[in-house]
Protein backbone atom coordinates (compact mmCIF):
# COMPACT_ATOMS: atom_id res chain seq x y z
CA GLU A 1 106.49 303.33 98.84
CA GLU A 2 104.93 302.70 95.46
CA LYS A 3 102.80 299.82 96.70
CA ILE A 4 101.59 301.21 100.04
CA LEU A 5 102.49 304.82 100.79
CA PHE A 6 101.90 306.47 97.43
CA PRO A 7 98.47 304.91 96.80
CA PHE A 8 97.49 305.83 100.37
CA ALA A 9 98.53 309.48 99.93
CA LYS A 10 97.48 310.01 96.33
CA GLY A 11 94.31 311.95 95.65
CA ARG A 12 94.31 314.04 98.82
CA ASP A 13 96.08 317.11 97.51
CA LYS A 14 97.34 318.32 94.10
CA GLU A 15 100.77 319.19 95.48
CA MET A 16 101.11 315.74 97.06
CA ASP A 17 100.04 314.09 93.80
CA ALA A 18 102.68 316.06 91.89
CA LEU A 19 105.31 315.14 94.46
CA ILE A 20 104.38 311.46 94.23
CA GLU A 21 104.72 311.57 90.44
CA GLU A 22 108.12 313.22 90.83
CA LEU A 23 109.25 310.57 93.32
CA ILE A 24 108.09 307.76 91.03
CA LEU A 25 110.07 309.35 88.19
CA ASP A 26 113.08 309.50 90.51
CA HIS A 27 112.67 305.78 91.22
CA LYS A 28 112.74 305.07 87.49
CA LYS A 29 115.82 307.23 86.97
CA ILE A 30 117.60 305.54 89.88
CA ALA A 31 116.75 302.08 88.54
CA GLU A 32 117.96 303.04 85.05
CA SER A 33 121.18 304.44 86.45
CA VAL A 34 121.87 301.30 88.47
CA SER A 35 121.05 299.10 85.47
CA SER A 36 123.47 300.97 83.24
CA ILE A 37 126.48 300.93 85.60
CA ASN A 38 128.22 298.17 83.64
CA GLU A 39 127.79 300.08 80.39
CA THR A 40 129.32 303.37 81.51
CA THR A 41 132.65 304.61 80.24
CA ASP A 42 133.20 306.89 83.23
CA LEU A 43 132.29 304.92 86.35
CA LYS A 44 133.36 307.68 88.73
CA GLU A 45 131.09 310.26 87.05
CA HIS A 46 128.24 307.76 86.76
CA LEU A 47 128.40 306.88 90.46
CA ASN A 48 128.67 310.54 91.40
CA SER A 49 125.54 311.33 89.37
CA LEU A 50 123.73 308.38 90.92
CA GLY A 51 124.74 309.54 94.39
CA GLU A 52 123.43 313.04 93.70
CA LEU A 53 120.17 311.62 92.39
CA LEU A 54 119.76 309.43 95.47
CA ASP A 55 120.64 312.30 97.81
CA GLY A 56 118.11 314.61 96.19
CA HIS A 57 115.45 311.92 96.23
CA ILE A 58 116.00 311.13 99.90
CA ARG A 59 115.88 314.82 100.80
CA LYS A 60 112.56 315.20 98.95
CA GLU A 61 111.13 312.30 100.89
CA GLU A 62 112.45 313.46 104.26
CA HIS A 63 111.83 317.18 103.96
CA VAL A 64 108.73 317.31 101.78
CA LEU A 65 106.84 314.02 101.68
CA PHE A 66 107.25 312.93 105.30
CA GLU A 67 106.72 316.49 106.59
CA ARG A 68 103.54 316.89 104.55
CA LEU A 69 101.85 313.59 105.40
CA PRO A 70 100.85 314.54 108.98
CA GLN A 71 99.45 317.82 107.65
CA LEU A 72 97.17 316.02 105.20
CA PHE A 73 96.09 313.07 107.30
CA SER A 74 94.60 312.71 110.75
CA GLU A 75 96.32 310.75 113.51
CA LYS A 76 93.84 307.94 112.90
CA GLU A 77 94.70 307.85 109.20
CA MET A 78 98.42 307.88 109.98
CA SER A 79 97.87 304.93 112.35
CA GLU A 80 96.04 303.10 109.57
CA LEU A 81 98.98 303.74 107.26
CA GLU A 82 101.40 302.44 109.86
CA LYS A 83 99.41 299.19 110.06
CA LEU A 84 99.78 298.75 106.29
CA VAL A 85 103.58 298.95 106.39
CA PRO A 86 105.28 295.62 107.13
CA LYS A 87 107.28 295.61 110.36
CA SER A 88 110.38 294.62 108.36
CA ALA A 89 110.29 298.07 106.69
CA PHE A 90 111.31 299.76 109.94
């Protein structure tokens, strides 16, 4: 996402740019949460918080990002994007 999708979508629309920044921040929070698992004193709470963060992030991608992309880009542009994504990502 950060290497292909976000650079492709960024700069088209202010709302999309804000969403991309929010998703990148989510990625950082998720990575920090995963990195700190061994340091937590309450593993159950930590994993619950991580799960909620992941769930919210996935919902944003599914219901906002992926719904908005076809509205901002033509079919040709969406095809170009598809060509940029490695087949292993599917």
